[in-house]
């Protein structure tokens, strides 16, 4: 077994580095995974990179295999795809997804990995965590056939939600973003696009994912009476003001939070985290979702890539990290 690995650590806000790691010997119920790709979740990970996690949320925001603590040093991330090099016979040699940080090899319980279906390329499977978030949001939102729906915010999560909603029969769907460059992504997903000022109103449901105060305010304005905004944005340490003193009450509007850390027993009784992840990976058989991956860099460049993603110098939805030189020698 190859016990040497390298991992990306946030040394302090704004400063990342690669560190050498020595893997532990795996227990009988554990697997050794050799990373092929990982994905940078631009919203959450760049917020972590900037040191924007509020102290009150340090525990809530912990990733499943995080090491260290916010604001740093911390090893953070949760979109990893790799090949099982060692473990139970049913998993050895299989391509799997794991909610693991950026690391070239790692040891985890066998129960922590999900086999990637053969019809889903490993390169696309890095989107599993994002599509899982979209699945959870739609379980919470419970859209109906024929609904008029808008997704405000054409980032990684918003585009994933729009891609899934595009499959719903009879739905009149629009993706709204202030960045006109998002129109090309919407077109690739088969979704109508509009700038905020041109967005259609009288919507039964608006899914908000822009992580901006202006986007959430616009989302409320787009609703039909008794409509619902499902809020997917997470604002970190920012305070958000909303015009709840205008027509919010008279129009009987609903603002509902959705968070991927919980599978609502009311929305989907009996469904587990494993069920949700398996569904997300199955949905990734659609090649249209390749539009959500907008760039790729080698793992060795991650310390210099993340500052560019955090500043916006490198625009991206999902930025994919490619691992080389981690195979058997």
C-alpha atoms as a PDB file:
ATOM      1  CA  UNK A   1       0.000   0.000   0.000  1.00  0.00           C
ATOM      2  CA  UNK A   2       1.233   3.511  -0.851  1.00  0.00           C
ATOM      3  CA  UNK A   3       1.102   5.468   2.416  1.00  0.00           C
ATOM      4  CA  UNK A   4       2.434   8.794   1.063  1.00  0.00           C
ATOM      5  CA  UNK A   5      -0.059  11.484   0.066  1.00  0.00           C
ATOM      6  CA  UNK A   6      -0.376  15.245  -0.263  1.00  0.00           C
ATOM      7  CA  UNK A   7      -3.199  17.420   1.031  1.00  0.00           C
ATOM      8  CA  UNK A   8      -4.279  21.037   0.571  1.00  0.00           C
ATOM      9  CA  UNK A   9      -4.455  23.049   3.804  1.00  0.00           C
ATOM     10  CA  UNK A  10      -5.629  26.587   4.416  1.00  0.00           C
ATOM     11  CA  UNK A  11      -2.768  27.807   6.597  1.00  0.00           C
ATOM     12  CA  UNK A  12      -4.548  31.073   7.414  1.00  0.00           C
ATOM     13  CA  UNK A  13      -7.255  33.102   5.636  1.00  0.00           C
ATOM     14  CA  UNK A  14      -6.065  33.790   2.097  1.00  0.00           C
ATOM     15  CA  UNK A  15      -3.026  31.499   2.282  1.00  0.00           C
ATOM     16  CA  UNK A  16      -3.074  27.836   1.234  1.00  0.00           C
ATOM     17  CA  UNK A  17      -0.356  25.220   0.918  1.00  0.00           C
ATOM     18  CA  UNK A  18       0.218  21.550   0.065  1.00  0.00           C
ATOM     19  CA  UNK A  19       1.378  19.330   2.903  1.00  0.00           C
ATOM     20  CA  UNK A  20       2.829  15.828   2.916  1.00  0.00           C
ATOM     21  CA  UNK A  21       0.647  13.236   4.633  1.00  0.00           C
ATOM     22  CA  UNK A  22       1.368   9.697   5.809  1.00  0.00           C
ATOM     23  CA  UNK A  23      -1.740   7.536   5.592  1.00  0.00           C
ATOM     24  CA  UNK A  24      -2.721   5.225   8.450  1.00  0.00           C
ATOM     25  CA  UNK A  25      -3.062   1.504   7.880  1.00  0.00           C
ATOM     26  CA  UNK A  26      -6.679   0.875   6.847  1.00  0.00           C
ATOM     27  CA  UNK A  27      -8.941  -1.153   9.118  1.00  0.00           C
ATOM     28  CA  UNK A  28     -10.918  -4.063   7.624  1.00  0.00           C
ATOM     29  CA  UNK A  29     -13.970  -1.841   7.152  1.00  0.00           C
ATOM     30  CA  UNK A  30     -12.015   1.011   5.512  1.00  0.00           C
ATOM     31  CA  UNK A  31     -10.929   1.813   1.959  1.00  0.00           C
ATOM     32  CA  UNK A  32      -7.893   3.534   0.475  1.00  0.00           C
ATOM     33  CA  UNK A  33      -8.919   5.939  -2.283  1.00  0.00           C
ATOM     34  CA  UNK A  34      -6.550   7.357  -4.914  1.00  0.00           C
ATOM     35  CA  UNK A  35      -7.953  10.725  -6.013  1.00  0.00           C
ATOM     36  CA  UNK A  36      -8.650  11.345  -9.690  1.00  0.00           C
ATOM     37  CA  UNK A  37     -10.478  14.684  -9.425  1.00  0.00           C
ATOM     38  CA  UNK A  38     -11.887  17.027  -6.839  1.00  0.00           C
ATOM     39  CA  UNK A  39     -14.100  20.050  -7.231  1.00  0.00           C
ATOM     40  CA  UNK A  40     -13.855  23.498  -5.679  1.00  0.00           C
ATOM     41  CA  UNK A  41     -17.262  24.558  -4.414  1.00  0.00           C
ATOM     42  CA  UNK A  42     -16.732  28.212  -5.279  1.00  0.00           C
ATOM     43  CA  UNK A  43     -19.309  29.698  -2.911  1.00  0.00           C
ATOM     44  CA  UNK A  44     -18.595  27.855   0.330  1.00  0.00           C
ATOM     45  CA  UNK A  45     -14.915  27.101  -0.204  1.00  0.00           C
ATOM     46  CA  UNK A  46     -13.965  30.619  -1.193  1.00  0.00           C
ATOM     47  CA  UNK A  47     -15.859  31.913   1.848  1.00  0.00           C
ATOM     48  CA  UNK A  48     -13.795  29.520   4.000  1.00  0.00           C
ATOM     49  CA  UNK A  49     -10.643  30.612   2.150  1.00  0.00           C
ATOM     50  CA  UNK A  50     -11.355  34.255   2.997  1.00  0.00           C
ATOM     51  CA  UNK A  51     -11.965  33.404   6.667  1.00  0.00           C
ATOM     52  CA  UNK A  52     -15.638  34.370   6.469  1.00  0.00           C
ATOM     53  CA  UNK A  53     -17.167  31.588   8.598  1.00  0.00           C
ATOM     54  CA  UNK A  54     -18.783  33.207  11.672  1.00  0.00           C
ATOM     55  CA  UNK A  55     -17.595  31.862  15.012  1.00  0.00           C
ATOM     56  CA  UNK A  56     -21.171  30.825  15.825  1.00  0.00           C
ATOM     57  CA  UNK A  57     -21.172  28.543  12.752  1.00  0.00           C
ATOM     58  CA  UNK A  58     -17.776  26.862  13.199  1.00  0.00           C
ATOM     59  CA  UNK A  59     -19.358  23.596  14.324  1.00  0.00           C
ATOM     60  CA  UNK A  60     -22.248  23.628  11.832  1.00  0.00           C
ATOM     61  CA  UNK A  61     -19.912  24.328   8.918  1.00  0.00           C
ATOM     62  CA  UNK A  62     -17.512  21.452   9.558  1.00  0.00           C
ATOM     63  CA  UNK A  63     -17.063  19.200   6.532  1.00  0.00           C
ATOM     64  CA  UNK A  64     -17.334  15.417   7.131  1.00  0.00           C
ATOM     65  CA  UNK A  65     -13.555  14.780   6.993  1.00  0.00           C
ATOM     66  CA  UNK A  66     -12.317  18.234   7.901  1.00  0.00           C
ATOM     67  CA  UNK A  67      -9.124  18.527   9.931  1.00  0.00           C
ATOM     68  CA  UNK A  68      -8.233  21.613  11.918  1.00  0.00           C
ATOM     69  CA  UNK A  69     -10.581  24.454  12.793  1.00  0.00           C
ATOM     70  CA  UNK A  70     -11.808  27.688  11.252  1.00  0.00           C
ATOM     71  CA  UNK A  71     -10.410  30.110  10.361  1.00  0.00           C
ATOM     72  CA  UNK A  72      -7.236  27.998  10.025  1.00  0.00           C
ATOM     73  CA  UNK A  73      -5.146  25.990   9.765  1.00  0.00           C
ATOM     74  CA  UNK A  74      -7.867  23.808   8.277  1.00  0.00           C
ATOM     75  CA  UNK A  75      -8.181  21.072   5.651  1.00  0.00           C
ATOM     76  CA  UNK A  76     -11.544  21.655   3.999  1.00  0.00           C
ATOM     77  CA  UNK A  77     -13.453  20.390   0.972  1.00  0.00           C
ATOM     78  CA  UNK A  78     -16.076  17.798   0.052  1.00  0.00           C
ATOM     79  CA  UNK A  79     -16.101  16.984  -3.664  1.00  0.00           C
ATOM     80  CA  UNK A  80     -13.662  14.133  -4.289  1.00  0.00           C
ATOM     81  CA  UNK A  81     -13.736  11.378  -6.918  1.00  0.00           C
ATOM     82  CA  UNK A  82     -11.213   8.556  -6.932  1.00  0.00           C
ATOM     83  CA  UNK A  83     -10.488   4.875  -7.373  1.00  0.00           C
ATOM     84  CA  UNK A  84     -10.525   2.403  -4.476  1.00  0.00           C
ATOM     85  CA  UNK A  85      -7.034   0.892  -4.292  1.00  0.00           C
ATOM     86  CA  UNK A  86      -7.566  -1.216  -1.192  1.00  0.00           C
ATOM     87  CA  UNK A  87     -10.689  -2.382   0.613  1.00  0.00           C
ATOM     88  CA  UNK A  88     -13.579  -4.829   0.374  1.00  0.00           C
ATOM     89  CA  UNK A  89     -13.647  -6.814  -2.864  1.00  0.00           C
ATOM     90  CA  UNK A  90     -16.950  -5.225  -3.904  1.00  0.00           C
ATOM     91  CA  UNK A  91     -15.300  -1.784  -3.927  1.00  0.00           C
ATOM     92  CA  UNK A  92     -11.709  -2.441  -4.983  1.00  0.00           C
ATOM     93  CA  UNK A  93     -11.060  -0.952  -8.401  1.00  0.00           C
ATOM     94  CA  UNK A  94     -14.365   0.963  -8.429  1.00  0.00           C
ATOM     95  CA  UNK A  95     -14.667   4.699  -9.055  1.00  0.00           C
ATOM     96  CA  UNK A  96     -16.260   6.359  -6.024  1.00  0.00           C
ATOM     97  CA  UNK A  97     -17.397   9.746  -4.761  1.00  0.00           C
ATOM     98  CA  UNK A  98     -16.529  10.891  -1.244  1.00  0.00           C
ATOM     99  CA  UNK A  99     -17.131  14.055   0.779  1.00  0.00           C
ATOM    100  CA  UNK A 100     -13.388  14.430   1.328  1.00  0.00           C
ATOM    101  CA  UNK A 101     -11.072  17.476   1.122  1.00  0.00           C
ATOM    102  CA  UNK A 102      -8.478  17.977  -1.623  1.00  0.00           C
ATOM    103  CA  UNK A 103      -5.969  15.175  -1.061  1.00  0.00           C
ATOM    104  CA  UNK A 104      -4.155  12.797  -3.403  1.00  0.00           C
ATOM    105  CA  UNK A 105      -4.884   9.629  -1.382  1.00  0.00           C
ATOM    106  CA  UNK A 106      -6.979   9.035   1.731  1.00  0.00           C
ATOM    107  CA  UNK A 107      -8.378   6.394   4.058  1.00  0.00           C
ATOM    108  CA  UNK A 108     -12.080   6.476   4.977  1.00  0.00           C
ATOM    109  CA  UNK A 109     -14.754   4.048   6.156  1.00  0.00           C
ATOM    110  CA  UNK A 110     -16.169   2.023   3.262  1.00  0.00           C
ATOM    111  CA  UNK A 111     -19.590   3.425   4.178  1.00  0.00           C
ATOM    112  CA  UNK A 112     -18.341   6.949   3.359  1.00  0.00           C
ATOM    113  CA  UNK A 113     -17.914   6.304  -0.372  1.00  0.00           C
ATOM    114  CA  UNK A 114     -20.603   5.986  -3.030  1.00  0.00           C
ATOM    115  CA  UNK A 115     -19.925   4.048  -6.220  1.00  0.00           C
ATOM    116  CA  UNK A 116     -20.137   6.229  -9.318  1.00  0.00           C
ATOM    117  CA  UNK A 117     -22.426   4.626 -11.935  1.00  0.00           C
ATOM    118  CA  UNK A 118     -20.528   3.411 -15.000  1.00  0.00           C
ATOM    119  CA  UNK A 119     -22.492   5.764 -17.255  1.00  0.00           C
ATOM    120  CA  UNK A 120     -21.230   8.799 -15.274  1.00  0.00           C
ATOM    121  CA  UNK A 121     -17.680   9.955 -16.165  1.00  0.00           C
ATOM    122  CA  UNK A 122     -15.368  10.513 -13.202  1.00  0.00           C
ATOM    123  CA  UNK A 123     -14.752  14.064 -14.449  1.00  0.00           C
ATOM    124  CA  UNK A 124     -18.469  14.896 -14.091  1.00  0.00           C
ATOM    125  CA  UNK A 125     -18.920  13.057 -10.805  1.00  0.00           C
ATOM    126  CA  UNK A 126     -17.216  15.914  -8.904  1.00  0.00           C
ATOM    127  CA  UNK A 127     -20.596  17.654  -9.236  1.00  0.00           C
ATOM    128  CA  UNK A 128     -22.295  15.047  -7.038  1.00  0.00           C
ATOM    129  CA  UNK A 129     -22.260  17.197  -3.905  1.00  0.00           C
ATOM    130  CA  UNK A 130     -23.743  20.155  -5.782  1.00  0.00           C
ATOM    131  CA  UNK A 131     -26.450  18.086  -7.449  1.00  0.00           C
ATOM    132  CA  UNK A 132     -27.201  16.573  -4.033  1.00  0.00           C
ATOM    133  CA  UNK A 133     -27.817  20.125  -2.758  1.00  0.00           C
ATOM    134  CA  UNK A 134     -30.152  20.738  -5.701  1.00  0.00           C
ATOM    135  CA  UNK A 135     -32.031  17.482  -5.021  1.00  0.00           C
ATOM    136  CA  UNK A 136     -32.488  18.492  -1.384  1.00  0.00           C
ATOM    137  CA  UNK A 137     -33.730  21.940  -2.399  1.00  0.00           C
ATOM    138  CA  UNK A 138     -36.333  20.464  -4.729  1.00  0.00           C
ATOM    139  CA  UNK A 139     -37.429  17.972  -2.079  1.00  0.00           C
ATOM    140  CA  UNK A 140     -38.008  20.999   0.164  1.00  0.00           C
ATOM    141  CA  UNK A 141     -39.630  23.124  -2.561  1.00  0.00           C
ATOM    142  CA  UNK A 142     -41.887  20.337  -3.928  1.00  0.00           C
ATOM    143  CA  UNK A 143     -42.559  21.974  -7.335  1.00  0.00           C
ATOM    144  CA  UNK A 144     -45.730  20.956  -9.151  1.00  0.00           C
ATOM    145  CA  UNK A 145     -46.444  20.252 -12.813  1.00  0.00           C
ATOM    146  CA  UNK A 146     -47.075  23.504 -14.665  1.00  0.00           C
ATOM    147  CA  UNK A 147     -45.514  25.751 -12.014  1.00  0.00           C
ATOM    148  CA  UNK A 148     -43.990  29.095 -13.000  1.00  0.00           C
ATOM    149  CA  UNK A 149     -40.512  28.901 -11.482  1.00  0.00           C
ATOM    150  CA  UNK A 150     -37.475  31.169 -11.420  1.00  0.00           C
ATOM    151  CA  UNK A 151     -33.991  30.389 -10.170  1.00  0.00           C
ATOM    152  CA  UNK A 152     -32.214  33.587  -9.119  1.00  0.00           C
ATOM    153  CA  UNK A 153     -28.446  33.158  -9.137  1.00  0.00           C
ATOM    154  CA  UNK A 154     -26.638  31.325 -11.918  1.00  0.00           C
ATOM    155  CA  UNK A 155     -23.782  29.981  -9.829  1.00  0.00           C
ATOM    156  CA  UNK A 156     -22.906  26.347  -9.286  1.00  0.00           C
ATOM    157  CA  UNK A 157     -25.910  25.505  -7.083  1.00  0.00           C
ATOM    158  CA  UNK A 158     -28.412  27.669  -8.965  1.00  0.00           C
ATOM    159  CA  UNK A 159     -27.469  26.122 -12.292  1.00  0.00           C
ATOM    160  CA  UNK A 160     -27.741  22.615 -10.807  1.00  0.00           C
ATOM    161  CA  UNK A 161     -31.253  23.414  -9.551  1.00  0.00           C
ATOM    162  CA  UNK A 162     -32.216  24.833 -12.961  1.00  0.00           C
ATOM    163  CA  UNK A 163     -30.836  21.760 -14.731  1.00  0.00           C
ATOM    164  CA  UNK A 164     -33.029  19.460 -12.625  1.00  0.00           C
ATOM    165  CA  UNK A 165     -36.102  21.685 -12.912  1.00  0.00           C
ATOM    166  CA  UNK A 166     -35.734  21.665 -16.704  1.00  0.00           C
ATOM    167  CA  UNK A 167     -36.781  17.993 -16.569  1.00  0.00           C
ATOM    168  CA  UNK A 168     -40.086  18.720 -14.800  1.00  0.00           C
ATOM    169  CA  UNK A 169     -43.117  18.449 -17.128  1.00  0.00           C
ATOM    170  CA  UNK A 170     -44.934  21.659 -17.951  1.00  0.00           C
ATOM    171  CA  UNK A 171     -42.727  23.897 -15.798  1.00  0.00           C
ATOM    172  CA  UNK A 172     -42.187  27.424 -17.118  1.00  0.00           C
ATOM    173  CA  UNK A 173     -38.649  28.041 -15.978  1.00  0.00           C
ATOM    174  CA  UNK A 174     -36.270  30.986 -16.059  1.00  0.00           C
ATOM    175  CA  UNK A 175     -32.723  31.414 -14.758  1.00  0.00           C
ATOM    176  CA  UNK A 176     -31.908  34.962 -13.624  1.00  0.00           C
ATOM    177  CA  UNK A 177     -28.424  36.361 -13.092  1.00  0.00           C
ATOM    178  CA  UNK A 178     -26.779  39.782 -13.240  1.00  0.00           C
ATOM    179  CA  UNK A 179     -23.889  38.343 -15.252  1.00  0.00           C
ATOM    180  CA  UNK A 180     -24.809  38.116 -18.962  1.00  0.00           C
ATOM    181  CA  UNK A 181     -22.137  35.436 -19.412  1.00  0.00           C
ATOM    182  CA  UNK A 182     -24.454  33.026 -17.570  1.00  0.00           C
ATOM    183  CA  UNK A 183     -26.788  33.033 -20.568  1.00  0.00           C
ATOM    184  CA  UNK A 184     -24.508  30.574 -22.374  1.00  0.00           C
ATOM    185  CA  UNK A 185     -24.684  28.191 -19.421  1.00  0.00           C
ATOM    186  CA  UNK A 186     -28.468  28.505 -19.281  1.00  0.00           C
ATOM    187  CA  UNK A 187     -28.663  27.758 -22.994  1.00  0.00           C
ATOM    188  CA  UNK A 188     -26.511  24.640 -22.543  1.00  0.00           C
ATOM    189  CA  UNK A 189     -28.932  23.476 -19.846  1.00  0.00           C
ATOM    190  CA  UNK A 190     -31.968  24.173 -22.011  1.00  0.00           C
ATOM    191  CA  UNK A 191     -33.230  26.969 -19.739  1.00  0.00           C
ATOM    192  CA  UNK A 192     -34.542  30.467 -20.522  1.00  0.00           C
ATOM    193  CA  UNK A 193     -32.330  33.298 -19.202  1.00  0.00           C
ATOM    194  CA  UNK A 194     -32.957  36.875 -18.088  1.00  0.00           C
ATOM    195  CA  UNK A 195     -31.175  39.719 -16.328  1.00  0.00           C
ATOM    196  CA  UNK A 196     -32.796  40.758 -13.002  1.00  0.00           C
ATOM    197  CA  UNK A 197     -34.585  43.793 -14.458  1.00  0.00           C
ATOM    198  CA  UNK A 198     -36.097  41.686 -17.261  1.00  0.00           C
ATOM    199  CA  UNK A 199     -37.161  38.682 -15.169  1.00  0.00           C
ATOM    200  CA  UNK A 200     -40.694  37.378 -15.471  1.00  0.00           C
ATOM    201  CA  UNK A 201     -42.988  37.983 -12.512  1.00  0.00           C
ATOM    202  CA  UNK A 202     -46.008  36.187 -11.044  1.00  0.00           C
ATOM    203  CA  UNK A 203     -43.926  33.142 -10.138  1.00  0.00           C
ATOM    204  CA  UNK A 204     -45.283  30.331  -8.008  1.00  0.00           C
ATOM    205  CA  UNK A 205     -41.802  29.430  -6.791  1.00  0.00           C
ATOM    206  CA  UNK A 206     -38.446  31.210  -6.762  1.00  0.00           C
ATOM    207  CA  UNK A 207     -35.279  29.381  -5.739  1.00  0.00           C
ATOM    208  CA  UNK A 208     -32.697  31.923  -4.601  1.00  0.00           C
ATOM    209  CA  UNK A 209     -29.011  31.058  -4.868  1.00  0.00           C
ATOM    210  CA  UNK A 210     -27.187  34.329  -5.636  1.00  0.00           C
ATOM    211  CA  UNK A 211     -25.925  34.892  -2.051  1.00  0.00           C
ATOM    212  CA  UNK A 212     -26.714  38.604  -2.418  1.00  0.00           C
ATOM    213  CA  UNK A 213     -29.165  40.853  -0.627  1.00  0.00           C
ATOM    214  CA  UNK A 214     -30.281  42.308  -3.972  1.00  0.00           C
ATOM    215  CA  UNK A 215     -30.954  38.827  -5.345  1.00  0.00           C
ATOM    216  CA  UNK A 216     -33.115  37.829  -2.397  1.00  0.00           C
ATOM    217  CA  UNK A 217     -35.041  41.120  -2.542  1.00  0.00           C
ATOM    218  CA  UNK A 218     -35.657  40.599  -6.263  1.00  0.00           C
ATOM    219  CA  UNK A 219     -36.752  37.006  -5.607  1.00  0.00           C
ATOM    220  CA  UNK A 220     -39.528  38.193  -3.280  1.00  0.00           C
ATOM    221  CA  UNK A 221     -40.636  40.781  -5.844  1.00  0.00           C
ATOM    222  CA  UNK A 222     -41.006  38.118  -8.548  1.00  0.00           C
ATOM    223  CA  UNK A 223     -43.520  36.039  -6.594  1.00  0.00           C
ATOM    224  CA  UNK A 224     -47.206  35.705  -7.303  1.00  0.00           C
ATOM    225  CA  UNK A 225     -49.509  36.083  -4.280  1.00  0.00           C
ATOM    226  CA  UNK A 226     -48.959  33.178  -1.855  1.00  0.00           C
ATOM    227  CA  UNK A 227     -45.743  32.252  -3.683  1.00  0.00           C
ATOM    228  CA  UNK A 228     -42.631  30.839  -2.023  1.00  0.00           C
ATOM    229  CA  UNK A 229     -38.956  31.694  -2.084  1.00  0.00           C
ATOM    230  CA  UNK A 230     -36.684  28.788  -1.158  1.00  0.00           C
ATOM    231  CA  UNK A 231     -33.411  30.273   0.094  1.00  0.00           C
ATOM    232  CA  UNK A 232     -30.282  28.277  -0.740  1.00  0.00           C
ATOM    233  CA  UNK A 233     -27.715  31.029  -0.198  1.00  0.00           C
ATOM    234  CA  UNK A 234     -25.486  31.043   2.850  1.00  0.00           C
ATOM    235  CA  UNK A 235     -24.221  34.473   3.826  1.00  0.00           C
ATOM    236  CA  UNK A 236     -21.458  33.592   6.267  1.00  0.00           C
ATOM    237  CA  UNK A 237     -20.822  36.556   8.542  1.00  0.00           C
ATOM    238  CA  UNK A 238     -22.896  39.037   6.517  1.00  0.00           C
ATOM    239  CA  UNK A 239     -26.197  40.588   7.674  1.00  0.00           C
ATOM    240  CA  UNK A 240     -29.006  40.751   5.095  1.00  0.00           C
ATOM    241  CA  UNK A 241     -31.848  43.307   5.082  1.00  0.00           C
ATOM    242  CA  UNK A 242     -35.190  42.545   3.401  1.00  0.00           C
ATOM    243  CA  UNK A 243     -38.285  44.664   2.591  1.00  0.00           C
ATOM    244  CA  UNK A 244     -40.666  42.652   4.759  1.00  0.00           C
ATOM    245  CA  UNK A 245     -42.617  45.785   5.655  1.00  0.00           C
ATOM    246  CA  UNK A 246     -43.961  46.320   2.120  1.00  0.00           C
ATOM    247  CA  UNK A 247     -46.282  43.774   0.451  1.00  0.00           C
ATOM    248  CA  UNK A 248     -44.773  40.702   2.089  1.00  0.00           C
ATOM    249  CA  UNK A 249     -47.690  40.126   4.489  1.00  0.00           C
ATOM    250  CA  UNK A 250     -50.569  41.338   2.327  1.00  0.00           C
ATOM    251  CA  UNK A 251     -49.468  39.014  -0.510  1.00  0.00           C
ATOM    252  CA  UNK A 252     -48.985  36.148   1.981  1.00  0.00           C
ATOM    253  CA  UNK A 253     -45.518  35.305   0.728  1.00  0.00           C
ATOM    254  CA  UNK A 254     -43.333  32.518   2.163  1.00  0.00           C
ATOM    255  CA  UNK A 255     -39.559  32.585   2.669  1.00  0.00           C
ATOM    256  CA  UNK A 256     -38.167  29.134   3.435  1.00  0.00           C
ATOM    257  CA  UNK A 257     -34.626  28.039   4.166  1.00  0.00           C
ATOM    258  CA  UNK A 258     -33.142  24.867   2.728  1.00  0.00           C
ATOM    259  CA  UNK A 259     -29.879  23.345   3.933  1.00  0.00           C
ATOM    260  CA  UNK A 260     -28.206  20.209   2.597  1.00  0.00           C
ATOM    261  CA  UNK A 261     -27.094  19.137   6.080  1.00  0.00           C
ATOM    262  CA  UNK A 262     -30.618  17.835   6.751  1.00  0.00           C
ATOM    263  CA  UNK A 263     -32.989  15.554   4.880  1.00  0.00           C
ATOM    264  CA  UNK A 264     -36.397  16.844   5.958  1.00  0.00           C
ATOM    265  CA  UNK A 265     -38.514  13.948   7.260  1.00  0.00           C
ATOM    266  CA  UNK A 266     -41.600  15.992   6.456  1.00  0.00           C
ATOM    267  CA  UNK A 267     -40.577  16.563   2.833  1.00  0.00           C
ATOM    268  CA  UNK A 268     -39.229  13.058   2.134  1.00  0.00           C
ATOM    269  CA  UNK A 269     -40.034  10.606   4.934  1.00  0.00           C
ATOM    270  CA  UNK A 270     -37.792   7.592   5.072  1.00  0.00           C
ATOM    271  CA  UNK A 271     -35.118   8.996   2.742  1.00  0.00           C
ATOM    272  CA  UNK A 272     -31.522   8.877   3.953  1.00  0.00           C
ATOM    273  CA  UNK A 273     -28.351  10.781   3.100  1.00  0.00           C
ATOM    274  CA  UNK A 274     -27.207   7.707   1.156  1.00  0.00           C
ATOM    275  CA  UNK A 275     -30.444   7.714  -0.869  1.00  0.00           C
ATOM    276  CA  UNK A 276     -29.959  11.376  -1.713  1.00  0.00           C
ATOM    277  CA  UNK A 277     -26.341  10.934  -2.796  1.00  0.00           C
ATOM    278  CA  UNK A 278     -27.136   7.861  -4.910  1.00  0.00           C
ATOM    279  CA  UNK A 279     -29.908   9.827  -6.659  1.00  0.00           C
ATOM    280  CA  UNK A 280     -27.553  12.758  -7.305  1.00  0.00           C
ATOM    281  CA  UNK A 281     -24.973  10.485  -8.925  1.00  0.00           C
ATOM    282  CA  UNK A 282     -27.642   8.806 -11.038  1.00  0.00           C
ATOM    283  CA  UNK A 283     -28.851  12.209 -12.284  1.00  0.00           C
ATOM    284  CA  UNK A 284     -25.285  13.028 -13.370  1.00  0.00           C
ATOM    285  CA  UNK A 285     -25.691  10.681 -16.330  1.00  0.00           C
ATOM    286  CA  UNK A 286     -27.015  13.771 -18.163  1.00  0.00           C
ATOM    287  CA  UNK A 287     -24.125  15.255 -20.218  1.00  0.00           C
ATOM    288  CA  UNK A 288     -25.784  18.693 -20.118  1.00  0.00           C
ATOM    289  CA  UNK A 289     -24.408  19.021 -16.586  1.00  0.00           C
ATOM    290  CA  UNK A 290     -20.884  19.275 -18.018  1.00  0.00           C
ATOM    291  CA  UNK A 291     -21.738  22.960 -18.480  1.00  0.00           C
ATOM    292  CA  UNK A 292     -21.299  23.434 -14.722  1.00  0.00           C
ATOM    293  CA  UNK A 293     -17.575  22.606 -14.912  1.00  0.00           C
ATOM    294  CA  UNK A 294     -15.938  25.752 -16.230  1.00  0.00           C
ATOM    295  CA  UNK A 295     -12.250  25.160 -15.640  1.00  0.00           C
ATOM    296  CA  UNK A 296      -9.607  22.673 -14.565  1.00  0.00           C
ATOM    297  CA  UNK A 297      -6.192  22.894 -12.915  1.00  0.00           C
ATOM    298  CA  UNK A 298      -3.622  20.372 -11.669  1.00  0.00           C
ATOM    299  CA  UNK A 299      -3.617  19.703  -7.940  1.00  0.00           C
ATOM    300  CA  UNK A 300      -0.124  21.185  -7.624  1.00  0.00           C
ATOM    301  CA  UNK A 301      -1.501  24.601  -8.624  1.00  0.00           C
ATOM    302  CA  UNK A 302      -4.375  24.676  -6.095  1.00  0.00           C
ATOM    303  CA  UNK A 303      -2.582  27.046  -3.653  1.00  0.00           C
ATOM    304  CA  UNK A 304      -2.342  29.651  -6.425  1.00  0.00           C
ATOM    305  CA  UNK A 305      -5.749  28.885  -7.984  1.00  0.00           C
ATOM    306  CA  UNK A 306      -7.924  29.334  -4.885  1.00  0.00           C
ATOM    307  CA  UNK A 307      -6.971  33.010  -4.329  1.00  0.00           C
ATOM    308  CA  UNK A 308      -7.980  33.723  -7.946  1.00  0.00           C
ATOM    309  CA  UNK A 309     -11.303  31.936  -7.458  1.00  0.00           C
ATOM    310  CA  UNK A 310     -11.928  33.803  -4.199  1.00  0.00           C
ATOM    311  CA  UNK A 311     -11.193  37.210  -5.746  1.00  0.00           C
ATOM    312  CA  UNK A 312     -13.148  36.551  -8.944  1.00  0.00           C
ATOM    313  CA  UNK A 313     -10.029  36.936 -11.065  1.00  0.00           C
ATOM    314  CA  UNK A 314     -10.729  33.388 -12.232  1.00  0.00           C
ATOM    315  CA  UNK A 315     -14.494  33.233 -12.934  1.00  0.00           C
ATOM    316  CA  UNK A 316     -15.961  29.802 -12.423  1.00  0.00           C
ATOM    317  CA  UNK A 317     -18.943  27.686 -11.518  1.00  0.00           C
ATOM    318  CA  UNK A 318     -17.232  24.437 -10.511  1.00  0.00           C
ATOM    319  CA  UNK A 319     -13.463  24.484 -10.930  1.00  0.00           C
ATOM    320  CA  UNK A 320     -12.137  20.945 -11.246  1.00  0.00           C
ATOM    321  CA  UNK A 321      -8.818  19.812  -9.773  1.00  0.00           C
ATOM    322  CA  UNK A 322      -6.942  17.055 -11.603  1.00  0.00           C
ATOM    323  CA  UNK A 323      -4.603  14.669  -9.775  1.00  0.00           C
ATOM    324  CA  UNK A 324      -1.603  13.252 -11.605  1.00  0.00           C
ATOM    325  CA  UNK A 325       1.272  11.107 -10.429  1.00  0.00           C
ATOM    326  CA  UNK A 326      -0.833   9.472  -7.697  1.00  0.00           C
ATOM    327  CA  UNK A 327      -1.076   6.066  -9.345  1.00  0.00           C
ATOM    328  CA  UNK A 328       0.882   2.959  -8.376  1.00  0.00           C
ATOM    329  CA  UNK A 329       4.611   3.126  -9.005  1.00  0.00           C
END
